[in-house]
Amino acid sequence: MVYPAGVVTRKVELSDPLTDFAGVPLSGLVTFIPSVSLKWVATGQLLTANPVQVFLTAGLASIILPIIQSGFVTSNDAAVDVWTYTASISTPAGGVAFADKTFVLPYGSDNYQLDMLVPSDILGTVLTTQGDTDVSVTYLNLLVLGPADPVPAGTAVNTVIVRKLT
């Protein structure tokens, strides 16, 4: 897919090959469905919320998707500050490699591992600990509020608030 000039994208991929119980890599399709149709204001190009499918080959798949960023509106020209993608995997035998996963792609400089992305349903979650116990944020691709804003991945903090990106 060709995105309009200026749209920031990242690769979303499976970090490890999906295999069956015999260790044979799976084949099939990975379907990504955006939550909303988006229009890039600078060019007027519409990105429709239709399913996009990529092949699962040798247990691996990847896709390039736009991340959360300013410059988009909905297809009705309404402001939009966050949207999600839902990924599902299907195999020829009808198996399910993992349950559908809905996630956000926040701004970042690296590619994203599908199995490591934080599900969008934890937005607004507050994680706290007792006393001096720390919460270790090892891979959190959302805006994280704590002693520093945002807290870099791997930073230990006492309270972590996962907030919707705006």
N, C-alpha and C. Protein backbone atom coordinates (compact mmCIF):
# COMPACT_ATOMS: atom_id res chain seq x y z
N MET A 1 0.84 -1.17 0.00
CA MET A 1 0.00 0.00 0.00
C MET A 1 0.88 1.23 0.00
N VAL A 2 0.49 2.23 -0.76
CA VAL A 2 1.22 3.49 -0.81
C VAL A 2 0.47 4.51 0.03
N TYR A 3 1.12 5.05 1.04
CA TYR A 3 0.51 6.05 1.90
C TYR A 3 0.87 7.43 1.39
N PRO A 4 0.05 8.45 1.72
CA PRO A 4 0.35 9.81 1.28
C PRO A 4 1.69 10.29 1.84
N ALA A 5 2.32 11.20 1.12
CA ALA A 5 3.59 11.78 1.57
C ALA A 5 3.39 12.42 2.94
N GLY A 6 4.30 12.15 3.86
CA GLY A 6 4.25 12.72 5.20
C GLY A 6 3.65 11.82 6.25
N VAL A 7 2.95 10.77 5.85
CA VAL A 7 2.36 9.85 6.83
C VAL A 7 3.47 8.98 7.42
N VAL A 8 3.56 8.95 8.74
CA VAL A 8 4.57 8.15 9.43
C VAL A 8 4.01 6.74 9.61
N THR A 9 4.78 5.75 9.19
CA THR A 9 4.36 4.36 9.29
C THR A 9 5.40 3.55 10.05
N ARG A 10 5.00 2.39 10.50
CA ARG A 10 5.91 1.43 11.12
C ARG A 10 5.51 0.03 10.67
N LYS A 11 6.48 -0.85 10.67
CA LYS A 11 6.23 -2.26 10.36
C LYS A 11 5.72 -2.96 11.62
N VAL A 12 4.65 -3.73 11.45
CA VAL A 12 4.13 -4.59 12.51
C VAL A 12 4.38 -6.01 12.05
N GLU A 13 5.05 -6.80 12.88
CA GLU A 13 5.41 -8.16 12.47
C GLU A 13 5.29 -9.13 13.63
N LEU A 14 5.23 -10.40 13.29
CA LEU A 14 5.27 -11.44 14.32
C LEU A 14 6.72 -11.61 14.73
N SER A 15 6.98 -11.68 16.04
CA SER A 15 8.37 -11.75 16.50
C SER A 15 8.96 -13.14 16.37
N ASP A 16 8.13 -14.16 16.45
CA ASP A 16 8.60 -15.54 16.32
C ASP A 16 7.65 -16.28 15.39
N PRO A 17 8.16 -17.24 14.62
CA PRO A 17 7.27 -17.99 13.72
C PRO A 17 6.19 -18.73 14.51
N LEU A 18 4.97 -18.71 13.98
CA LEU A 18 3.88 -19.50 14.56
C LEU A 18 3.98 -20.91 14.01
N THR A 19 3.90 -21.89 14.91
CA THR A 19 4.01 -23.29 14.50
C THR A 19 2.87 -24.10 15.11
N ASP A 20 2.65 -25.29 14.53
CA ASP A 20 1.70 -26.21 15.14
C ASP A 20 2.42 -27.01 16.22
N PHE A 21 1.74 -27.96 16.83
CA PHE A 21 2.34 -28.74 17.92
C PHE A 21 3.49 -29.64 17.46
N ALA A 22 3.57 -29.90 16.15
CA ALA A 22 4.68 -30.69 15.62
C ALA A 22 5.87 -29.80 15.25
N GLY A 23 5.73 -28.48 15.46
CA GLY A 23 6.81 -27.56 15.14
C GLY A 23 6.83 -27.11 13.68
N VAL A 24 5.78 -27.44 12.94
CA VAL A 24 5.71 -27.05 11.53
C VAL A 24 5.18 -25.62 11.44
N PRO A 25 5.91 -24.72 10.74
CA PRO A 25 5.45 -23.34 10.60
C PRO A 25 4.09 -23.27 9.92
N LEU A 26 3.23 -22.39 10.42
CA LEU A 26 1.89 -22.23 9.89
C LEU A 26 1.87 -21.37 8.64
N SER A 27 0.89 -21.63 7.79
CA SER A 27 0.60 -20.75 6.67
C SER A 27 -0.83 -20.27 6.85
N GLY A 28 -1.19 -19.21 6.17
CA GLY A 28 -2.54 -18.68 6.28
C GLY A 28 -2.58 -17.21 5.98
N LEU A 29 -3.50 -16.51 6.61
CA LEU A 29 -3.67 -15.07 6.41
C LEU A 29 -3.71 -14.36 7.75
N VAL A 30 -3.13 -13.17 7.76
CA VAL A 30 -3.28 -12.28 8.90
C VAL A 30 -4.11 -11.10 8.39
N THR A 31 -5.23 -10.84 9.05
CA THR A 31 -6.12 -9.77 8.64
C THR A 31 -6.03 -8.63 9.65
N PHE A 32 -5.81 -7.42 9.14
CA PHE A 32 -5.76 -6.21 9.96
C PHE A 32 -6.96 -5.34 9.58
N ILE A 33 -7.72 -4.92 10.58
CA ILE A 33 -8.89 -4.07 10.32
C ILE A 33 -8.75 -2.78 11.14
N PRO A 34 -8.62 -1.63 10.45
CA PRO A 34 -8.59 -0.35 11.17
C PRO A 34 -9.97 -0.05 11.77
N SER A 35 -9.99 0.68 12.88
CA SER A 35 -11.25 0.99 13.55
C SER A 35 -12.04 2.09 12.87
N VAL A 36 -11.41 2.88 12.02
CA VAL A 36 -12.08 4.03 11.40
C VAL A 36 -11.40 4.35 10.07
N SER A 37 -12.18 4.85 9.12
CA SER A 37 -11.58 5.36 7.88
C SER A 37 -10.94 6.70 8.19
N LEU A 38 -9.77 6.94 7.63
CA LEU A 38 -9.01 8.15 7.90
C LEU A 38 -8.75 8.92 6.61
N LYS A 39 -8.70 10.24 6.72
CA LYS A 39 -8.33 11.07 5.58
C LYS A 39 -7.11 11.88 5.96
N TRP A 40 -6.08 11.83 5.11
CA TRP A 40 -4.87 12.61 5.33
C TRP A 40 -5.17 14.03 4.84
N VAL A 41 -5.19 15.00 5.75
CA VAL A 41 -5.63 16.35 5.44
C VAL A 41 -4.79 17.00 4.35
N ALA A 42 -3.49 16.79 4.37
CA ALA A 42 -2.60 17.46 3.41
C ALA A 42 -2.91 17.12 1.96
N THR A 43 -3.38 15.91 1.69
CA THR A 43 -3.63 15.50 0.30
C THR A 43 -5.08 15.14 0.05
N GLY A 44 -5.86 14.93 1.11
CA GLY A 44 -7.24 14.49 0.95
C GLY A 44 -7.38 13.01 0.67
N GLN A 45 -6.26 12.25 0.67
CA GLN A 45 -6.35 10.82 0.39
C GLN A 45 -7.06 10.10 1.52
N LEU A 46 -8.02 9.25 1.14
CA LEU A 46 -8.81 8.49 2.10
C LEU A 46 -8.22 7.10 2.27
N LEU A 47 -8.03 6.71 3.51
CA LEU A 47 -7.62 5.35 3.86
C LEU A 47 -8.85 4.69 4.47
N THR A 48 -9.49 3.80 3.74
CA THR A 48 -10.74 3.21 4.21
C THR A 48 -10.48 2.12 5.24
N ALA A 49 -11.46 1.91 6.09
CA ALA A 49 -11.34 0.93 7.18
C ALA A 49 -11.69 -0.47 6.71
N ASN A 50 -11.29 -0.81 5.50
CA ASN A 50 -11.51 -2.16 4.99
C ASN A 50 -10.42 -3.10 5.51
N PRO A 51 -10.74 -4.38 5.65
CA PRO A 51 -9.71 -5.35 6.07
C PRO A 51 -8.56 -5.41 5.07
N VAL A 52 -7.36 -5.51 5.60
CA VAL A 52 -6.16 -5.68 4.78
C VAL A 52 -5.56 -7.02 5.18
N GLN A 53 -5.28 -7.87 4.20
CA GLN A 53 -4.75 -9.20 4.51
C GLN A 53 -3.33 -9.34 3.99
N VAL A 54 -2.50 -9.99 4.80
CA VAL A 54 -1.14 -10.34 4.39
C VAL A 54 -0.97 -11.84 4.63
N PHE A 55 -0.12 -12.46 3.83
CA PHE A 55 0.10 -13.89 3.94
C PHE A 55 0.95 -14.23 5.15
N LEU A 56 0.57 -15.30 5.83
CA LEU A 56 1.37 -15.89 6.88
C LEU A 56 2.18 -16.99 6.20
N THR A 57 3.47 -16.73 6.03
CA THR A 57 4.34 -17.65 5.31
C THR A 57 5.45 -18.12 6.24
N ALA A 58 5.63 -19.42 6.32
CA ALA A 58 6.62 -20.00 7.22
C ALA A 58 6.43 -19.49 8.65
N GLY A 59 5.17 -19.23 9.00
CA GLY A 59 4.85 -18.79 10.35
C GLY A 59 5.06 -17.32 10.62
N LEU A 60 5.45 -16.54 9.60
CA LEU A 60 5.77 -15.12 9.79
C LEU A 60 4.92 -14.25 8.87
N ALA A 61 4.68 -13.02 9.30
CA ALA A 61 3.95 -12.05 8.49
C ALA A 61 4.32 -10.65 8.97
N SER A 62 4.20 -9.67 8.07
CA SER A 62 4.43 -8.28 8.46
C SER A 62 3.60 -7.37 7.57
N ILE A 63 3.36 -6.16 8.07
CA ILE A 63 2.59 -5.15 7.34
C ILE A 63 3.09 -3.78 7.77
N ILE A 64 2.97 -2.81 6.88
CA ILE A 64 3.31 -1.42 7.19
C ILE A 64 1.99 -0.69 7.44
N LEU A 65 1.87 -0.03 8.62
CA LEU A 65 0.65 0.68 8.99
C LEU A 65 0.97 2.08 9.51
N PRO A 66 0.05 3.04 9.32
CA PRO A 66 0.23 4.36 9.91
C PRO A 66 0.14 4.30 11.44
N ILE A 67 0.98 5.06 12.09
CA ILE A 67 0.95 5.16 13.55
C ILE A 67 0.02 6.31 13.94
N ILE A 68 -0.30 6.41 15.23
CA ILE A 68 -1.08 7.53 15.74
C ILE A 68 -0.28 8.80 15.52
N GLN A 69 -0.89 9.78 14.85
CA GLN A 69 -0.20 11.04 14.53
C GLN A 69 -1.23 12.10 14.16
N SER A 70 -0.82 13.35 14.25
CA SER A 70 -1.69 14.42 13.80
C SER A 70 -1.65 14.46 12.27
N GLY A 71 -2.64 15.11 11.67
CA GLY A 71 -2.70 15.20 10.21
C GLY A 71 -3.83 14.38 9.61
N PHE A 72 -4.47 13.54 10.42
CA PHE A 72 -5.60 12.74 9.97
C PHE A 72 -6.90 13.32 10.53
N VAL A 73 -7.97 13.15 9.78
CA VAL A 73 -9.34 13.35 10.24
C VAL A 73 -10.12 12.11 9.82
N THR A 74 -11.36 11.97 10.31
CA THR A 74 -12.18 10.86 9.85
C THR A 74 -12.65 11.15 8.43
N SER A 75 -13.27 10.19 7.81
CA SER A 75 -13.76 10.38 6.44
C SER A 75 -14.83 11.47 6.38
N ASN A 76 -15.43 11.81 7.54
CA ASN A 76 -16.42 12.89 7.63
C ASN A 76 -15.81 14.20 8.10
N ASP A 77 -14.48 14.29 8.07
CA ASP A 77 -13.74 15.48 8.48
C ASP A 77 -13.83 15.79 9.97
N ALA A 78 -14.19 14.82 10.79
CA ALA A 78 -14.19 15.00 12.24
C ALA A 78 -12.79 14.77 12.77
N ALA A 79 -12.45 15.46 13.84
CA ALA A 79 -11.13 15.29 14.46
C ALA A 79 -10.99 13.85 14.96
N VAL A 80 -9.79 13.32 14.85
CA VAL A 80 -9.49 11.98 15.37
C VAL A 80 -8.10 12.02 15.99
N ASP A 81 -8.00 11.55 17.23
CA ASP A 81 -6.69 11.56 17.88
C ASP A 81 -6.17 10.17 18.20
N VAL A 82 -7.02 9.16 18.06
CA VAL A 82 -6.57 7.79 18.28
C VAL A 82 -7.47 6.85 17.49
N TRP A 83 -6.87 5.78 17.01
CA TRP A 83 -7.61 4.71 16.35
C TRP A 83 -6.89 3.42 16.64
N THR A 84 -7.59 2.33 16.40
CA THR A 84 -7.02 1.02 16.70
C THR A 84 -6.98 0.17 15.44
N TYR A 85 -6.26 -0.93 15.53
CA TYR A 85 -6.26 -1.98 14.52
C TYR A 85 -6.61 -3.27 15.24
N THR A 86 -7.34 -4.13 14.56
CA THR A 86 -7.60 -5.46 15.08
C THR A 86 -6.95 -6.46 14.14
N ALA A 87 -6.15 -7.35 14.70
CA ALA A 87 -5.46 -8.38 13.91
C ALA A 87 -6.03 -9.74 14.24
N SER A 88 -6.22 -10.55 13.21
CA SER A 88 -6.63 -11.95 13.42
C SER A 88 -5.87 -12.82 12.44
N ILE A 89 -5.62 -14.05 12.85
CA ILE A 89 -4.86 -14.98 12.01
C ILE A 89 -5.75 -16.18 11.72
N SER A 90 -5.81 -16.56 10.44
CA SER A 90 -6.56 -17.76 10.06
C SER A 90 -5.63 -18.68 9.27
N THR A 91 -5.85 -19.97 9.45
CA THR A 91 -5.04 -20.98 8.75
C THR A 91 -5.97 -21.81 7.87
N PRO A 92 -5.41 -22.47 6.84
CA PRO A 92 -6.25 -23.29 5.95
C PRO A 92 -7.06 -24.36 6.67
N ALA A 93 -6.52 -24.87 7.76
CA ALA A 93 -7.22 -25.92 8.50
C ALA A 93 -8.30 -25.34 9.41
N GLY A 94 -8.43 -24.02 9.42
CA GLY A 94 -9.44 -23.38 10.25
C GLY A 94 -9.00 -23.13 11.66
N GLY A 95 -7.74 -23.34 11.94
CA GLY A 95 -7.22 -23.11 13.28
C GLY A 95 -7.08 -21.64 13.60
N VAL A 96 -6.99 -21.32 14.86
CA VAL A 96 -6.79 -19.96 15.31
C VAL A 96 -5.45 -19.90 16.02
N ALA A 97 -4.52 -19.10 15.49
CA ALA A 97 -3.18 -19.02 16.08
C ALA A 97 -3.20 -18.25 17.39
N PHE A 98 -3.98 -17.21 17.45
CA PHE A 98 -4.23 -16.51 18.71
C PHE A 98 -5.51 -15.72 18.55
N ALA A 99 -6.12 -15.35 19.66
CA ALA A 99 -7.37 -14.61 19.63
C ALA A 99 -7.15 -13.26 18.96
N ASP A 100 -8.21 -12.72 18.38
CA ASP A 100 -8.11 -11.38 17.78
C ASP A 100 -7.48 -10.44 18.79
N LYS A 101 -6.63 -9.55 18.28
CA LYS A 101 -5.94 -8.60 19.15
C LYS A 101 -6.19 -7.21 18.62
N THR A 102 -6.73 -6.34 19.47
CA THR A 102 -6.94 -4.94 19.11
C THR A 102 -5.88 -4.11 19.80
N PHE A 103 -5.23 -3.22 19.05
CA PHE A 103 -4.09 -2.48 19.57
C PHE A 103 -4.00 -1.11 18.92
N VAL A 104 -3.20 -0.23 19.51
CA VAL A 104 -2.88 1.06 18.93
C VAL A 104 -1.42 1.05 18.51
N LEU A 105 -1.09 1.89 17.55
CA LEU A 105 0.31 2.07 17.13
C LEU A 105 0.73 3.49 17.45
N PRO A 106 1.20 3.74 18.66
CA PRO A 106 1.61 5.08 19.04
C PRO A 106 2.92 5.46 18.37
N TYR A 107 3.26 6.74 18.46
CA TYR A 107 4.48 7.23 17.85
C TYR A 107 5.69 6.54 18.47
N GLY A 108 6.60 6.13 17.66
CA GLY A 108 7.82 5.49 18.13
C GLY A 108 8.78 5.35 16.97
N SER A 109 10.02 5.05 17.27
CA SER A 109 11.04 5.00 16.22
C SER A 109 11.33 3.59 15.73
N ASP A 110 10.76 2.59 16.36
CA ASP A 110 11.08 1.21 16.01
C ASP A 110 9.87 0.52 15.39
N ASN A 111 10.14 -0.63 14.78
CA ASN A 111 9.07 -1.48 14.32
C ASN A 111 8.42 -2.13 15.53
N TYR A 112 7.21 -2.67 15.36
CA TYR A 112 6.48 -3.25 16.46
C TYR A 112 6.28 -4.75 16.26
N GLN A 113 6.38 -5.49 17.35
CA GLN A 113 6.11 -6.92 17.35
C GLN A 113 4.65 -7.11 17.75
N LEU A 114 3.87 -7.73 16.87
CA LEU A 114 2.43 -7.87 17.11
C LEU A 114 2.13 -8.52 18.45
N ASP A 115 2.86 -9.55 18.80
CA ASP A 115 2.58 -10.24 20.06
C ASP A 115 3.01 -9.46 21.29
N MET A 116 3.77 -8.37 21.09
CA MET A 116 4.23 -7.56 22.22
C MET A 116 3.45 -6.25 22.38
N LEU A 117 2.61 -5.89 21.40
CA LEU A 117 1.86 -4.65 21.50
C LEU A 117 0.85 -4.71 22.63
N VAL A 118 0.70 -3.61 23.33
CA VAL A 118 -0.22 -3.54 24.44
C VAL A 118 -1.65 -3.48 23.90
N PRO A 119 -2.53 -4.36 24.35
CA PRO A 119 -3.92 -4.31 23.87
C PRO A 119 -4.57 -2.98 24.20
N SER A 120 -5.40 -2.48 23.28
CA SER A 120 -6.02 -1.17 23.48
C SER A 120 -7.02 -1.16 24.62
N ASP A 121 -7.48 -2.31 25.09
CA ASP A 121 -8.49 -2.32 26.15
C ASP A 121 -7.92 -2.01 27.52
N ILE A 122 -6.60 -1.79 27.66
CA ILE A 122 -6.06 -1.39 28.96
C ILE A 122 -5.88 0.12 29.04
N LEU A 123 -6.27 0.86 27.99
CA LEU A 123 -6.16 2.31 28.06
C LEU A 123 -6.91 2.81 29.29
N GLY A 124 -6.29 3.70 30.03
CA GLY A 124 -6.91 4.22 31.24
C GLY A 124 -6.59 3.41 32.47
N THR A 125 -5.88 2.30 32.32
CA THR A 125 -5.52 1.45 33.44
C THR A 125 -4.46 2.13 34.31
N VAL A 126 -4.61 2.01 35.59
CA VAL A 126 -3.60 2.52 36.54
C VAL A 126 -2.97 1.32 37.21
N LEU A 127 -1.65 1.19 37.08
CA LEU A 127 -0.91 0.11 37.72
C LEU A 127 -0.15 0.69 38.90
N THR A 128 -0.37 0.17 40.08
CA THR A 128 0.33 0.68 41.26
C THR A 128 0.94 -0.48 42.03
N THR A 129 1.88 -0.15 42.89
CA THR A 129 2.52 -1.17 43.71
C THR A 129 2.47 -0.73 45.17
N GLN A 130 2.74 -1.67 46.07
CA GLN A 130 2.76 -1.40 47.50
C GLN A 130 4.17 -1.01 47.94
N GLY A 131 4.28 0.00 48.77
CA GLY A 131 5.57 0.36 49.36
C GLY A 131 6.63 0.71 48.35
N ASP A 132 7.81 0.11 48.53
CA ASP A 132 8.95 0.42 47.68
C ASP A 132 9.07 -0.50 46.47
N THR A 133 8.08 -1.37 46.26
CA THR A 133 8.13 -2.29 45.13
C THR A 133 7.97 -1.51 43.84
N ASP A 134 8.77 -1.81 42.85
CA ASP A 134 8.71 -1.10 41.58
C ASP A 134 7.94 -1.89 40.54
N VAL A 135 7.34 -1.18 39.59
CA VAL A 135 6.77 -1.77 38.40
C VAL A 135 7.80 -1.56 37.30
N SER A 136 8.21 -2.61 36.65
CA SER A 136 9.19 -2.49 35.58
C SER A 136 8.47 -2.44 34.24
N VAL A 137 8.62 -1.33 33.53
CA VAL A 137 8.00 -1.17 32.22
C VAL A 137 9.01 -1.65 31.19
N THR A 138 8.79 -2.83 30.66
CA THR A 138 9.78 -3.41 29.76
C THR A 138 9.42 -3.23 28.29
N TYR A 139 8.14 -3.15 27.96
CA TYR A 139 7.76 -2.95 26.56
C TYR A 139 6.36 -2.39 26.55
N LEU A 140 6.23 -1.10 26.61
CA LEU A 140 4.93 -0.45 26.68
C LEU A 140 4.85 0.61 25.61
N ASN A 141 4.13 0.32 24.55
CA ASN A 141 4.06 1.24 23.43
C ASN A 141 2.86 2.17 23.54
N LEU A 142 2.73 2.78 24.69
CA LEU A 142 1.70 3.78 24.93
C LEU A 142 2.34 4.90 25.72
N LEU A 143 1.66 6.02 25.81
CA LEU A 143 2.15 7.09 26.65
C LEU A 143 2.03 6.65 28.10
N VAL A 144 3.13 6.70 28.82
CA VAL A 144 3.18 6.23 30.20
C VAL A 144 3.51 7.42 31.08
N LEU A 145 2.71 7.64 32.09
CA LEU A 145 2.95 8.74 33.02
C LEU A 145 3.50 8.20 34.31
N GLY A 146 4.49 8.84 34.84
CA GLY A 146 5.08 8.41 36.09
C GLY A 146 6.00 9.52 36.57
N PRO A 147 7.14 9.19 37.18
CA PRO A 147 8.07 10.22 37.64
C PRO A 147 8.56 11.11 36.50
N ALA A 148 8.68 10.56 35.30
CA ALA A 148 9.04 11.33 34.11
C ALA A 148 7.91 11.11 33.11
N ASP A 149 7.70 12.08 32.22
CA ASP A 149 6.58 11.96 31.29
C ASP A 149 7.09 12.16 29.88
N PRO A 150 7.16 11.19 28.99
CA PRO A 150 6.83 9.79 29.26
C PRO A 150 8.01 9.05 29.88
N VAL A 151 7.75 7.90 30.45
CA VAL A 151 8.77 7.07 31.07
C VAL A 151 9.36 6.17 29.99
N PRO A 152 10.67 6.18 29.78
CA PRO A 152 11.26 5.30 28.76
C PRO A 152 11.06 3.83 29.12
N ALA A 153 10.98 3.00 28.09
CA ALA A 153 10.85 1.56 28.31
C ALA A 153 12.00 1.08 29.17
N GLY A 154 11.71 0.21 30.13
CA GLY A 154 12.73 -0.34 31.00
C GLY A 154 12.90 0.43 32.29
N THR A 155 12.27 1.61 32.41
CA THR A 155 12.38 2.42 33.60
C THR A 155 11.50 1.85 34.70
N ALA A 156 12.04 1.73 35.90
CA ALA A 156 11.26 1.23 37.03
C ALA A 156 10.60 2.41 37.74
N VAL A 157 9.31 2.34 37.98
CA VAL A 157 8.56 3.41 38.64
C VAL A 157 7.60 2.78 39.64
N ASN A 158 7.06 3.59 40.55
CA ASN A 158 6.09 3.07 41.52
C ASN A 158 4.66 3.09 41.02
N THR A 159 4.32 4.02 40.15
CA THR A 159 2.97 4.11 39.61
C THR A 159 3.06 4.33 38.11
N VAL A 160 2.27 3.58 37.37
CA VAL A 160 2.23 3.72 35.92
C VAL A 160 0.78 3.94 35.52
N ILE A 161 0.53 4.98 34.78
CA ILE A 161 -0.81 5.23 34.27
C ILE A 161 -0.75 5.10 32.75
N VAL A 162 -1.54 4.21 32.20
CA VAL A 162 -1.59 4.03 30.76
C VAL A 162 -2.73 4.90 30.26
N ARG A 163 -2.41 5.85 29.38
CA ARG A 163 -3.37 6.85 28.97
C ARG A 163 -3.56 6.83 27.46
N LYS A 164 -4.78 7.11 27.03
CA LYS A 164 -5.06 7.26 25.60
C LYS A 164 -4.23 8.38 25.03
N LEU A 165 -3.61 8.15 23.90
CA LEU A 165 -2.81 9.17 23.25
C LEU A 165 -3.71 10.23 22.66
N THR A 166 -3.35 11.51 22.85
CA THR A 166 -4.14 12.59 22.26
C THR A 166 -3.25 13.49 21.46
